[in-house]
Amino acid sequence: MSKSIFPLPMIDDFADASTLGEHIAAGYQIRARCTHAGCNHNVQINLVVVARYLGIDHGASAEDLKPYFYCPPCRTAGVNDGHIVFAHYPPTAPHCVIAERWIADRTAA
């Protein structure tokens, strides 16, 4: 039996996820993107790694995460590196029906 890195909270309504732990438990993803003119650097945030450093009870809103992120290309170029916005993406296949169908189609061949 695998051991959890940290206990995840129980969530009654996934739409109400507000902490890093709740986002991980619900299967949400967060992307950070630089909005500086000409940059548009973006990256998917590994929520498990961030939660290890900040704690699972740390907020997942843009105001809560912004102090911990910057744009590396903008910082290297010597321009303002604080133009970061965050996009929250809910899970798109909650029951993994697509994965089960793919396996069934692949084995029928």
PDB file of N, CA and C in Angstrom:
ATOM      1  N   MET A   1       0.844  -1.175   0.000  1.00  0.00           N
ATOM      2  CA  MET A   1       0.000   0.000   0.000  1.00  0.00           C
ATOM      3  C   MET A   1       0.894   1.245   0.000  1.00  0.00           C
ATOM      4  N   SER A   2       0.588   2.170  -0.910  1.00  0.00           N
ATOM      5  CA  SER A   2       1.415   3.359  -0.985  1.00  0.00           C
ATOM      6  C   SER A   2       1.093   4.321   0.149  1.00  0.00           C
ATOM      7  N   LYS A   3       2.093   5.052   0.573  1.00  0.00           N
ATOM      8  CA  LYS A   3       1.932   6.013   1.657  1.00  0.00           C
ATOM      9  C   LYS A   3       1.870   7.415   1.078  1.00  0.00           C
ATOM     10  N   SER A   4       0.926   8.208   1.549  1.00  0.00           N
ATOM     11  CA  SER A   4       0.749   9.565   1.058  1.00  0.00           C
ATOM     12  C   SER A   4       1.856  10.476   1.582  1.00  0.00           C
ATOM     13  N   ILE A   5       2.249  11.461   0.768  1.00  0.00           N
ATOM     14  CA  ILE A   5       3.251  12.434   1.186  1.00  0.00           C
ATOM     15  C   ILE A   5       2.680  13.298   2.300  1.00  0.00           C
ATOM     16  N   PHE A   6       1.439  13.715   2.139  1.00  0.00           N
ATOM     17  CA  PHE A   6       0.731  14.478   3.158  1.00  0.00           C
ATOM     18  C   PHE A   6      -0.752  14.179   3.006  1.00  0.00           C
ATOM     19  N   PRO A   7      -1.502  14.247   4.089  1.00  0.00           N
ATOM     20  CA  PRO A   7      -2.935  13.945   3.990  1.00  0.00           C
ATOM     21  C   PRO A   7      -3.681  15.045   3.245  1.00  0.00           C
ATOM     22  N   LEU A   8      -4.528  14.634   2.312  1.00  0.00           N
ATOM     23  CA  LEU A   8      -5.319  15.599   1.556  1.00  0.00           C
ATOM     24  C   LEU A   8      -6.670  15.799   2.230  1.00  0.00           C
ATOM     25  N   PRO A   9      -7.211  17.000   2.163  1.00  0.00           N
ATOM     26  CA  PRO A   9      -8.504  17.266   2.792  1.00  0.00           C
ATOM     27  C   PRO A   9      -9.650  16.636   2.008  1.00  0.00           C
ATOM     28  N   MET A  10     -10.736  16.371   2.687  1.00  0.00           N
ATOM     29  CA  MET A  10     -11.957  15.895   2.037  1.00  0.00           C
ATOM     30  C   MET A  10     -12.705  17.119   1.494  1.00  0.00           C
ATOM     31  N   ILE A  11     -13.276  16.981   0.300  1.00  0.00           N
ATOM     32  CA  ILE A  11     -13.978  18.094  -0.329  1.00  0.00           C
ATOM     33  C   ILE A  11     -15.403  17.648  -0.649  1.00  0.00           C
ATOM     34  N   ASP A  12     -16.376  18.431  -0.211  1.00  0.00           N
ATOM     35  CA  ASP A  12     -17.767  18.138  -0.528  1.00  0.00           C
ATOM     36  C   ASP A  12     -18.136  18.653  -1.913  1.00  0.00           C
ATOM     37  N   ASP A  13     -17.676  19.855  -2.257  1.00  0.00           N
ATOM     38  CA  ASP A  13     -17.973  20.459  -3.541  1.00  0.00           C
ATOM     39  C   ASP A  13     -16.663  20.939  -4.170  1.00  0.00           C
ATOM     40  N   PHE A  14     -16.281  20.334  -5.283  1.00  0.00           N
ATOM     41  CA  PHE A  14     -15.006  20.668  -5.913  1.00  0.00           C
ATOM     42  C   PHE A  14     -14.949  22.119  -6.369  1.00  0.00           C
ATOM     43  N   ALA A  15     -16.082  22.726  -6.635  1.00  0.00           N
ATOM     44  CA  ALA A  15     -16.099  24.121  -7.075  1.00  0.00           C
ATOM     45  C   ALA A  15     -15.664  25.070  -5.962  1.00  0.00           C
ATOM     46  N   ASP A  16     -15.698  24.608  -4.713  1.00  0.00           N
ATOM     47  CA  ASP A  16     -15.313  25.449  -3.581  1.00  0.00           C
ATOM     48  C   ASP A  16     -13.851  25.279  -3.178  1.00  0.00           C
ATOM     49  N   ALA A  17     -13.038  24.586  -3.989  1.00  0.00           N
ATOM     50  CA  ALA A  17     -11.634  24.368  -3.656  1.00  0.00           C
ATOM     51  C   ALA A  17     -10.909  25.703  -3.599  1.00  0.00           C
ATOM     52  N   SER A  18     -10.257  25.976  -2.455  1.00  0.00           N
ATOM     53  CA  SER A  18      -9.578  27.263  -2.304  1.00  0.00           C
ATOM     54  C   SER A  18      -8.133  27.128  -1.819  1.00  0.00           C
ATOM     55  N   THR A  19      -7.735  25.964  -1.332  1.00  0.00           N
ATOM     56  CA  THR A  19      -6.366  25.767  -0.860  1.00  0.00           C
ATOM     57  C   THR A  19      -5.616  24.848  -1.818  1.00  0.00           C
ATOM     58  N   LEU A  20      -4.305  24.796  -1.661  1.00  0.00           N
ATOM     59  CA  LEU A  20      -3.505  23.913  -2.512  1.00  0.00           C
ATOM     60  C   LEU A  20      -3.908  22.456  -2.325  1.00  0.00           C
ATOM     61  N   GLY A  21      -4.130  22.051  -1.080  1.00  0.00           N
ATOM     62  CA  GLY A  21      -4.530  20.671  -0.807  1.00  0.00           C
ATOM     63  C   GLY A  21      -5.860  20.321  -1.447  1.00  0.00           C
ATOM     64  N   GLU A  22      -6.814  21.241  -1.396  1.00  0.00           N
ATOM     65  CA  GLU A  22      -8.115  21.001  -2.014  1.00  0.00           C
ATOM     66  C   GLU A  22      -7.993  20.937  -3.537  1.00  0.00           C
ATOM     67  N   HIS A  23      -7.126  21.766  -4.109  1.00  0.00           N
ATOM     68  CA  HIS A  23      -6.903  21.716  -5.556  1.00  0.00           C
ATOM     69  C   HIS A  23      -6.292  20.373  -5.961  1.00  0.00           C
ATOM     70  N   ILE A  24      -5.354  19.875  -5.182  1.00  0.00           N
ATOM     71  CA  ILE A  24      -4.734  18.577  -5.492  1.00  0.00           C
ATOM     72  C   ILE A  24      -5.768  17.467  -5.363  1.00  0.00           C
ATOM     73  N   ALA A  25      -6.542  17.475  -4.282  1.00  0.00           N
ATOM     74  CA  ALA A  25      -7.546  16.439  -4.051  1.00  0.00           C
ATOM     75  C   ALA A  25      -8.618  16.444  -5.137  1.00  0.00           C
ATOM     76  N   ALA A  26      -8.969  17.618  -5.634  1.00  0.00           N
ATOM     77  CA  ALA A  26     -10.008  17.732  -6.658  1.00  0.00           C
ATOM     78  C   ALA A  26      -9.469  17.431  -8.055  1.00  0.00           C
ATOM     79  N   GLY A  27      -8.151  17.452  -8.228  1.00  0.00           N
ATOM     80  CA  GLY A  27      -7.557  17.206  -9.538  1.00  0.00           C
ATOM     81  C   GLY A  27      -7.395  18.448 -10.388  1.00  0.00           C
ATOM     82  N   TYR A  28      -7.450  19.614  -9.768  1.00  0.00           N
ATOM     83  CA  TYR A  28      -7.280  20.869 -10.493  1.00  0.00           C
ATOM     84  C   TYR A  28      -5.828  21.040 -10.935  1.00  0.00           C
ATOM     85  N   GLN A  29      -5.635  21.840 -11.966  1.00  0.00           N
ATOM     86  CA  GLN A  29      -4.308  22.225 -12.419  1.00  0.00           C
ATOM     87  C   GLN A  29      -4.248  23.746 -12.433  1.00  0.00           C
ATOM     88  N   ILE A  30      -3.052  24.291 -12.214  1.00  0.00           N
ATOM     89  CA  ILE A  30      -2.849  25.736 -12.272  1.00  0.00           C
ATOM     90  C   ILE A  30      -1.677  26.018 -13.200  1.00  0.00           C
ATOM     91  N   ARG A  31      -1.868  26.975 -14.106  1.00  0.00           N
ATOM     92  CA  ARG A  31      -0.799  27.424 -14.987  1.00  0.00           C
ATOM     93  C   ARG A  31      -0.461  28.863 -14.650  1.00  0.00           C
ATOM     94  N   ALA A  32       0.824  29.182 -14.671  1.00  0.00           N
ATOM     95  CA  ALA A  32       1.300  30.552 -14.470  1.00  0.00           C
ATOM     96  C   ALA A  32       1.774  31.066 -15.824  1.00  0.00           C
ATOM     97  N   ARG A  33       1.399  32.317 -16.138  1.00  0.00           N
ATOM     98  CA  ARG A  33       1.758  32.899 -17.432  1.00  0.00           C
ATOM     99  C   ARG A  33       2.222  34.332 -17.235  1.00  0.00           C
ATOM    100  N   CYS A  34       3.294  34.686 -17.941  1.00  0.00           N
ATOM    101  CA  CYS A  34       3.806  36.050 -17.924  1.00  0.00           C
ATOM    102  C   CYS A  34       3.054  36.860 -18.975  1.00  0.00           C
ATOM    103  N   THR A  35       2.556  38.018 -18.571  1.00  0.00           N
ATOM    104  CA  THR A  35       1.800  38.865 -19.496  1.00  0.00           C
ATOM    105  C   THR A  35       2.616  40.048 -20.011  1.00  0.00           C
ATOM    106  N   HIS A  36       3.923  40.042 -19.766  1.00  0.00           N
ATOM    107  CA  HIS A  36       4.780  41.120 -20.264  1.00  0.00           C
ATOM    108  C   HIS A  36       4.766  41.094 -21.784  1.00  0.00           C
ATOM    109  N   ALA A  37       4.727  42.258 -22.404  1.00  0.00           N
ATOM    110  CA  ALA A  37       4.662  42.363 -23.860  1.00  0.00           C
ATOM    111  C   ALA A  37       5.804  41.600 -24.519  1.00  0.00           C
ATOM    112  N   GLY A  38       5.463  40.675 -25.405  1.00  0.00           N
ATOM    113  CA  GLY A  38       6.459  39.917 -26.137  1.00  0.00           C
ATOM    114  C   GLY A  38       6.969  38.677 -25.436  1.00  0.00           C
ATOM    115  N   CYS A  39       6.618  38.443 -24.195  1.00  0.00           N
ATOM    116  CA  CYS A  39       7.151  37.285 -23.470  1.00  0.00           C
ATOM    117  C   CYS A  39       6.201  36.096 -23.558  1.00  0.00           C
ATOM    118  N   ASN A  40       5.080  36.164 -22.881  1.00  0.00           N
ATOM    119  CA  ASN A  40       4.070  35.112 -22.858  1.00  0.00           C
ATOM    120  C   ASN A  40       4.618  33.764 -22.392  1.00  0.00           C
ATOM    121  N   HIS A  41       5.673  33.757 -21.583  1.00  0.00           N
ATOM    122  CA  HIS A  41       6.210  32.518 -21.004  1.00  0.00           C
ATOM    123  C   HIS A  41       5.152  31.924 -20.082  1.00  0.00           C
ATOM    124  N   ASN A  42       4.903  30.611 -20.192  1.00  0.00           N
ATOM    125  CA  ASN A  42       3.931  29.987 -19.303  1.00  0.00           C
ATOM    126  C   ASN A  42       4.390  28.604 -18.909  1.00  0.00           C
ATOM    127  N   VAL A  43       3.890  28.157 -17.756  1.00  0.00           N
ATOM    128  CA  VAL A  43       4.304  26.869 -17.213  1.00  0.00           C
ATOM    129  C   VAL A  43       3.179  26.310 -16.348  1.00  0.00           C
ATOM    130  N   GLN A  44       3.038  24.993 -16.392  1.00  0.00           N
ATOM    131  CA  GLN A  44       2.089  24.345 -15.494  1.00  0.00           C
ATOM    132  C   GLN A  44       2.762  24.162 -14.144  1.00  0.00           C
ATOM    133  N   ILE A  45       2.068  24.537 -13.089  1.00  0.00           N
ATOM    134  CA  ILE A  45       2.634  24.465 -11.745  1.00  0.00           C
ATOM    135  C   ILE A  45       2.429  23.067 -11.189  1.00  0.00           C
ATOM    136  N   ASN A  46       3.488  22.489 -10.638  1.00  0.00           N
ATOM    137  CA  ASN A  46       3.379  21.204  -9.960  1.00  0.00           C
ATOM    138  C   ASN A  46       2.853  21.489  -8.555  1.00  0.00           C
ATOM    139  N   LEU A  47       1.567  21.278  -8.355  1.00  0.00           N
ATOM    140  CA  LEU A  47       0.931  21.641  -7.091  1.00  0.00           C
ATOM    141  C   LEU A  47       1.455  20.833  -5.908  1.00  0.00           C
ATOM    142  N   VAL A  48       1.872  19.601  -6.138  1.00  0.00           N
ATOM    143  CA  VAL A  48       2.401  18.778  -5.048  1.00  0.00           C
ATOM    144  C   VAL A  48       3.700  19.381  -4.520  1.00  0.00           C
ATOM    145  N   VAL A  49       4.569  19.809  -5.416  1.00  0.00           N
ATOM    146  CA  VAL A  49       5.841  20.412  -4.999  1.00  0.00           C
ATOM    147  C   VAL A  49       5.583  21.727  -4.267  1.00  0.00           C
ATOM    148  N   VAL A  50       4.692  22.557  -4.809  1.00  0.00           N
ATOM    149  CA  VAL A  50       4.380  23.834  -4.163  1.00  0.00           C
ATOM    150  C   VAL A  50       3.769  23.596  -2.788  1.00  0.00           C
ATOM    151  N   ALA A  51       2.879  22.605  -2.677  1.00  0.00           N
ATOM    152  CA  ALA A  51       2.244  22.296  -1.390  1.00  0.00           C
ATOM    153  C   ALA A  51       3.252  21.753  -0.383  1.00  0.00           C
ATOM    154  N   ARG A  52       4.298  21.075  -0.847  1.00  0.00           N
ATOM    155  CA  ARG A  52       5.342  20.593   0.077  1.00  0.00           C
ATOM    156  C   ARG A  52       6.052  21.773   0.738  1.00  0.00           C
ATOM    157  N   TYR A  53       6.263  22.859  -0.013  1.00  0.00           N
ATOM    158  CA  TYR A  53       6.962  24.027   0.528  1.00  0.00           C
ATOM    159  C   TYR A  53       6.048  24.973   1.288  1.00  0.00           C
ATOM    160  N   LEU A  54       4.856  25.212   0.758  1.00  0.00           N
ATOM    161  CA  LEU A  54       3.965  26.204   1.361  1.00  0.00           C
ATOM    162  C   LEU A  54       2.944  25.605   2.317  1.00  0.00           C
ATOM    163  N   GLY A  55       2.684  24.314   2.205  1.00  0.00           N
ATOM    164  CA  GLY A  55       1.693  23.648   3.046  1.00  0.00           C
ATOM    165  C   GLY A  55       0.387  23.458   2.296  1.00  0.00           C
ATOM    166  N   ILE A  56      -0.339  22.410   2.647  1.00  0.00           N
ATOM    167  CA  ILE A  56      -1.571  22.107   1.928  1.00  0.00           C
ATOM    168  C   ILE A  56      -2.694  23.085   2.268  1.00  0.00           C
ATOM    169  N   ASP A  57      -2.551  23.810   3.372  1.00  0.00           N
ATOM    170  CA  ASP A  57      -3.581  24.769   3.765  1.00  0.00           C
ATOM    171  C   ASP A  57      -3.340  26.168   3.191  1.00  0.00           C
ATOM    172  N   HIS A  58      -2.268  26.325   2.416  1.00  0.00           N
ATOM    173  CA  HIS A  58      -1.969  27.625   1.801  1.00  0.00           C
ATOM    174  C   HIS A  58      -2.985  27.893   0.691  1.00  0.00           C
ATOM    175  N   GLY A  59      -3.405  29.119   0.545  1.00  0.00           N
ATOM    176  CA  GLY A  59      -4.376  29.493  -0.475  1.00  0.00           C
ATOM    177  C   GLY A  59      -3.852  29.275  -1.883  1.00  0.00           C
ATOM    178  N   ALA A  60      -4.771  29.030  -2.813  1.00  0.00           N
ATOM    179  CA  ALA A  60      -4.402  28.792  -4.205  1.00  0.00           C
ATOM    180  C   ALA A  60      -4.850  29.916  -5.125  1.00  0.00           C
ATOM    181  N   SER A  61      -5.290  31.019  -4.555  1.00  0.00           N
ATOM    182  CA  SER A  61      -5.711  32.143  -5.398  1.00  0.00           C
ATOM    183  C   SER A  61      -4.474  32.870  -5.930  1.00  0.00           C
ATOM    184  N   ALA A  62      -4.699  33.732  -6.921  1.00  0.00           N
ATOM    185  CA  ALA A  62      -3.589  34.479  -7.518  1.00  0.00           C
ATOM    186  C   ALA A  62      -2.877  35.341  -6.486  1.00  0.00           C
ATOM    187  N   GLU A  63      -3.621  35.957  -5.586  1.00  0.00           N
ATOM    188  CA  GLU A  63      -3.015  36.801  -4.547  1.00  0.00           C
ATOM    189  C   GLU A  63      -2.132  35.999  -3.602  1.00  0.00           C
ATOM    190  N   ASP A  64      -2.513  34.747  -3.351  1.00  0.00           N
ATOM    191  CA  ASP A  64      -1.735  33.893  -2.454  1.00  0.00           C
ATOM    192  C   ASP A  64      -0.466  33.364  -3.116  1.00  0.00           C
ATOM    193  N   LEU A  65      -0.505  33.107  -4.418  1.00  0.00           N
ATOM    194  CA  LEU A  65       0.629  32.490  -5.117  1.00  0.00           C
ATOM    195  C   LEU A  65       1.605  33.495  -5.724  1.00  0.00           C
ATOM    196  N   LYS A  66       1.129  34.673  -6.070  1.00  0.00           N
ATOM    197  CA  LYS A  66       1.954  35.657  -6.786  1.00  0.00           C
ATOM    198  C   LYS A  66       3.293  35.977  -6.122  1.00  0.00           C
ATOM    199  N   PRO A  67       3.387  36.107  -4.783  1.00  0.00           N
ATOM    200  CA  PRO A  67       4.689  36.427  -4.184  1.00  0.00           C
ATOM    201  C   PRO A  67       5.770  35.363  -4.397  1.00  0.00           C
ATOM    202  N   TYR A  68       5.382  34.166  -4.797  1.00  0.00           N
ATOM    203  CA  TYR A  68       6.338  33.068  -4.917  1.00  0.00           C
ATOM    204  C   TYR A  68       6.766  32.783  -6.352  1.00  0.00           C
ATOM    205  N   PHE A  69       6.232  33.511  -7.322  1.00  0.00           N
ATOM    206  CA  PHE A  69       6.528  33.226  -8.720  1.00  0.00           C
ATOM    207  C   PHE A  69       7.031  34.466  -9.441  1.00  0.00           C
ATOM    208  N   TYR A  70       7.910  34.233 -10.417  1.00  0.00           N
ATOM    209  CA  TYR A  70       8.414  35.289 -11.285  1.00  0.00           C
ATOM    210  C   TYR A  70       8.676  34.676 -12.657  1.00  0.00           C
ATOM    211  N   CYS A  71       8.931  35.516 -13.639  1.00  0.00           N
ATOM    212  CA  CYS A  71       9.205  35.048 -14.999  1.00  0.00           C
ATOM    213  C   CYS A  71      10.720  34.977 -15.208  1.00  0.00           C
ATOM    214  N   PRO A  72      11.292  33.785 -15.346  1.00  0.00           N
ATOM    215  CA  PRO A  72      12.740  33.669 -15.546  1.00  0.00           C
ATOM    216  C   PRO A  72      13.262  34.369 -16.799  1.00  0.00           C
ATOM    217  N   PRO A  73      12.605  34.262 -17.978  1.00  0.00           N
ATOM    218  CA  PRO A  73      13.137  34.978 -19.147  1.00  0.00           C
ATOM    219  C   PRO A  73      13.154  36.500 -18.957  1.00  0.00           C
ATOM    220  N   CYS A  74      12.101  37.033 -18.319  1.00  0.00           N
ATOM    221  CA  CYS A  74      12.065  38.485 -18.091  1.00  0.00           C
ATOM    222  C   CYS A  74      13.128  38.902 -17.080  1.00  0.00           C
ATOM    223  N   ARG A  75      13.335  38.095 -16.059  1.00  0.00           N
ATOM    224  CA  ARG A  75      14.362  38.419 -15.061  1.00  0.00           C
ATOM    225  C   ARG A  75      15.747  38.393 -15.693  1.00  0.00           C
ATOM    226  N   THR A  76      15.993  37.415 -16.561  1.00  0.00           N
ATOM    227  CA  THR A  76      17.283  37.315 -17.247  1.00  0.00           C
ATOM    228  C   THR A  76      17.501  38.521 -18.163  1.00  0.00           C
ATOM    229  N   ALA A  77      16.421  38.988 -18.803  1.00  0.00           N
ATOM    230  CA  ALA A  77      16.523  40.136 -19.706  1.00  0.00           C
ATOM    231  C   ALA A  77      16.602  41.458 -18.967  1.00  0.00           C
ATOM    232  N   GLY A  78      16.379  41.442 -17.659  1.00  0.00           N
ATOM    233  CA  GLY A  78      16.488  42.650 -16.864  1.00  0.00           C
ATOM    234  C   GLY A  78      15.246  43.527 -16.876  1.00  0.00           C
ATOM    235  N   VAL A  79      14.100  42.944 -17.272  1.00  0.00           N
ATOM    236  CA  VAL A  79      12.849  43.710 -17.259  1.00  0.00           C
ATOM    237  C   VAL A  79      11.995  43.251 -16.075  1.00  0.00           C
ATOM    238  N   ASN A  80      10.921  43.992 -15.816  1.00  0.00           N
ATOM    239  CA  ASN A  80      10.035  43.667 -14.704  1.00  0.00           C
ATOM    240  C   ASN A  80       9.514  42.236 -14.860  1.00  0.00           C
ATOM    241  N   ASP A  81       9.759  41.403 -13.859  1.00  0.00           N
ATOM    242  CA  ASP A  81       9.394  39.985 -13.955  1.00  0.00           C
ATOM    243  C   ASP A  81       8.168  39.629 -13.114  1.00  0.00           C
ATOM    244  N   GLY A  82       7.370  40.616 -12.743  1.00  0.00           N
ATOM    245  CA  GLY A  82       6.223  40.370 -11.882  1.00  0.00           C
ATOM    246  C   GLY A  82       4.877  40.377 -12.583  1.00  0.00           C
ATOM    247  N   HIS A  83       4.868  40.253 -13.896  1.00  0.00           N
ATOM    248  CA  HIS A  83       3.604  40.266 -14.646  1.00  0.00           C
ATOM    249  C   HIS A  83       3.046  38.850 -14.768  1.00  0.00           C
ATOM    250  N   ILE A  84       2.771  38.208 -13.655  1.00  0.00           N
ATOM    251  CA  ILE A  84       2.322  36.819 -13.659  1.00  0.00           C
ATOM    252  C   ILE A  84       0.824  36.756 -13.384  1.00  0.00           C
ATOM    253  N   VAL A  85       0.111  35.961 -14.194  1.00  0.00           N
ATOM    254  CA  VAL A  85      -1.300  35.667 -13.955  1.00  0.00           C
ATOM    255  C   VAL A  85      -1.440  34.154 -13.838  1.00  0.00           C
ATOM    256  N   PHE A  86      -2.479  33.721 -13.161  1.00  0.00           N
ATOM    257  CA  PHE A  86      -2.694  32.303 -12.920  1.00  0.00           C
ATOM    258  C   PHE A  86      -4.031  31.867 -13.503  1.00  0.00           C
ATOM    259  N   ALA A  87      -4.043  30.715 -14.143  1.00  0.00           N
ATOM    260  CA  ALA A  87      -5.273  30.135 -14.688  1.00  0.00           C
ATOM    261  C   ALA A  87      -5.509  28.805 -13.993  1.00  0.00           C
ATOM    262  N   HIS A  88      -6.712  28.621 -13.471  1.00  0.00           N
ATOM    263  CA  HIS A  88      -7.087  27.397 -12.763  1.00  0.00           C
ATOM    264  C   HIS A  88      -7.937  26.540 -13.700  1.00  0.00           C
ATOM    265  N   TYR A  89      -7.538  25.274 -13.868  1.00  0.00           N
ATOM    266  CA  TYR A  89      -8.242  24.363 -14.758  1.00  0.00           C
ATOM    267  C   TYR A  89      -8.809  23.196 -13.960  1.00  0.00           C
ATOM    268  N   PRO A  90     -10.134  22.994 -14.028  1.00  0.00           N
ATOM    269  CA  PRO A  90     -10.733  21.860 -13.330  1.00  0.00           C
ATOM    270  C   PRO A  90     -10.426  20.566 -14.076  1.00  0.00           C
ATOM    271  N   PRO A  91     -10.575  19.416 -13.421  1.00  0.00           N
ATOM    272  CA  PRO A  91     -10.345  18.150 -14.117  1.00  0.00           C
ATOM    273  C   PRO A  91     -11.337  17.997 -15.261  1.00  0.00           C
ATOM    274  N   THR A  92     -10.886  17.469 -16.377  1.00  0.00           N
ATOM    275  CA  THR A  92     -11.753  17.351 -17.546  1.00  0.00           C
ATOM    276  C   THR A  92     -12.333  15.960 -17.734  1.00  0.00           C
ATOM    277  N   ALA A  93     -11.758  14.942 -17.143  1.00  0.00           N
ATOM    278  CA  ALA A  93     -12.260  13.575 -17.268  1.00  0.00           C
ATOM    279  C   ALA A  93     -12.362  12.959 -15.876  1.00  0.00           C
ATOM    280  N   PRO A  94     -13.376  13.338 -15.082  1.00  0.00           N
ATOM    281  CA  PRO A  94     -13.419  12.898 -13.690  1.00  0.00           C
ATOM    282  C   PRO A  94     -13.591  11.398 -13.509  1.00  0.00           C
ATOM    283  N   HIS A  95     -14.174  10.703 -14.479  1.00  0.00           N
ATOM    284  CA  HIS A  95     -14.405   9.271 -14.300  1.00  0.00           C
ATOM    285  C   HIS A  95     -13.505   8.411 -15.169  1.00  0.00           C
ATOM    286  N   CYS A  96     -12.597   9.025 -15.900  1.00  0.00           N
ATOM    287  CA  CYS A  96     -11.622   8.327 -16.752  1.00  0.00           C
ATOM    288  C   CYS A  96     -12.296   7.410 -17.766  1.00  0.00           C
ATOM    289  N   VAL A  97     -13.464   7.793 -18.264  1.00  0.00           N
ATOM    290  CA  VAL A  97     -14.176   6.998 -19.258  1.00  0.00           C
ATOM    291  C   VAL A  97     -13.366   6.925 -20.540  1.00  0.00           C
ATOM    292  N   ILE A  98     -12.701   8.001 -20.903  1.00  0.00           N
ATOM    293  CA  ILE A  98     -11.913   8.037 -22.132  1.00  0.00           C
ATOM    294  C   ILE A  98     -10.774   7.032 -22.062  1.00  0.00           C
ATOM    295  N   ALA A  99     -10.073   6.969 -20.923  1.00  0.00           N
ATOM    296  CA  ALA A  99      -8.962   6.032 -20.782  1.00  0.00           C
ATOM    297  C   ALA A  99      -9.445   4.594 -20.861  1.00  0.00           C
ATOM    298  N   GLU A 100     -10.578   4.279 -20.245  1.00  0.00           N
ATOM    299  CA  GLU A 100     -11.108   2.913 -20.301  1.00  0.00           C
ATOM    300  C   GLU A 100     -11.503   2.556 -21.725  1.00  0.00           C
ATOM    301  N   ARG A 101     -12.090   3.486 -22.458  1.00  0.00           N
ATOM    302  CA  ARG A 101     -12.494   3.242 -23.832  1.00  0.00           C
ATOM    303  C   ARG A 101     -11.276   3.021 -24.718  1.00  0.00           C
ATOM    304  N   TRP A 102     -10.203   3.798 -24.495  1.00  0.00           N
ATOM    305  CA  TRP A 102      -8.991   3.647 -25.297  1.00  0.00           C
ATOM    306  C   TRP A 102      -8.392   2.277 -25.108  1.00  0.00           C
ATOM    307  N   ILE A 103      -8.355   1.788 -23.865  1.00  0.00           N
ATOM    308  CA  ILE A 103      -7.798   0.453 -23.594  1.00  0.00           C
ATOM    309  C   ILE A 103      -8.654  -0.606 -24.260  1.00  0.00           C
ATOM    310  N   ALA A 104      -9.965  -0.481 -24.206  1.00  0.00           N
ATOM    311  CA  ALA A 104     -10.849  -1.448 -24.827  1.00  0.00           C
ATOM    312  C   ALA A 104     -10.650  -1.445 -26.347  1.00  0.00           C
ATOM    313  N   ASP A 105     -10.550  -0.286 -26.966  1.00  0.00           N
ATOM    314  CA  ASP A 105     -10.335  -0.208 -28.411  1.00  0.00           C
ATOM    315  C   ASP A 105      -8.984  -0.776 -28.808  1.00  0.00           C
ATOM    316  N   ARG A 106      -7.967  -0.541 -28.006  1.00  0.00           N
ATOM    317  CA  ARG A 106      -6.627  -1.006 -28.331  1.00  0.00           C
ATOM    318  C   ARG A 106      -6.534  -2.513 -28.235  1.00  0.00           C
ATOM    319  N   THR A 107      -7.209  -3.108 -27.246  1.00  0.00           N
ATOM    320  CA  THR A 107      -7.114  -4.559 -27.072  1.00  0.00           C
ATOM    321  C   THR A 107      -7.968  -5.307 -28.089  1.00  0.00           C
ATOM    322  N   ALA A 108      -8.944  -4.623 -28.714  1.00  0.00           N
ATOM    323  CA  ALA A 108      -9.802  -5.286 -29.695  1.00  0.00           C
ATOM    324  C   ALA A 108      -9.099  -5.443 -31.031  1.00  0.00           C
ATOM    325  N   ALA A 109      -8.029  -4.733 -31.242  1.00  0.00           N
ATOM    326  CA  ALA A 109      -7.344  -4.778 -32.543  1.00  0.00           C
ATOM    327  C   ALA A 109      -6.538  -6.030 -32.723  1.00  0.00           C
TER     328      ALA A 109
END
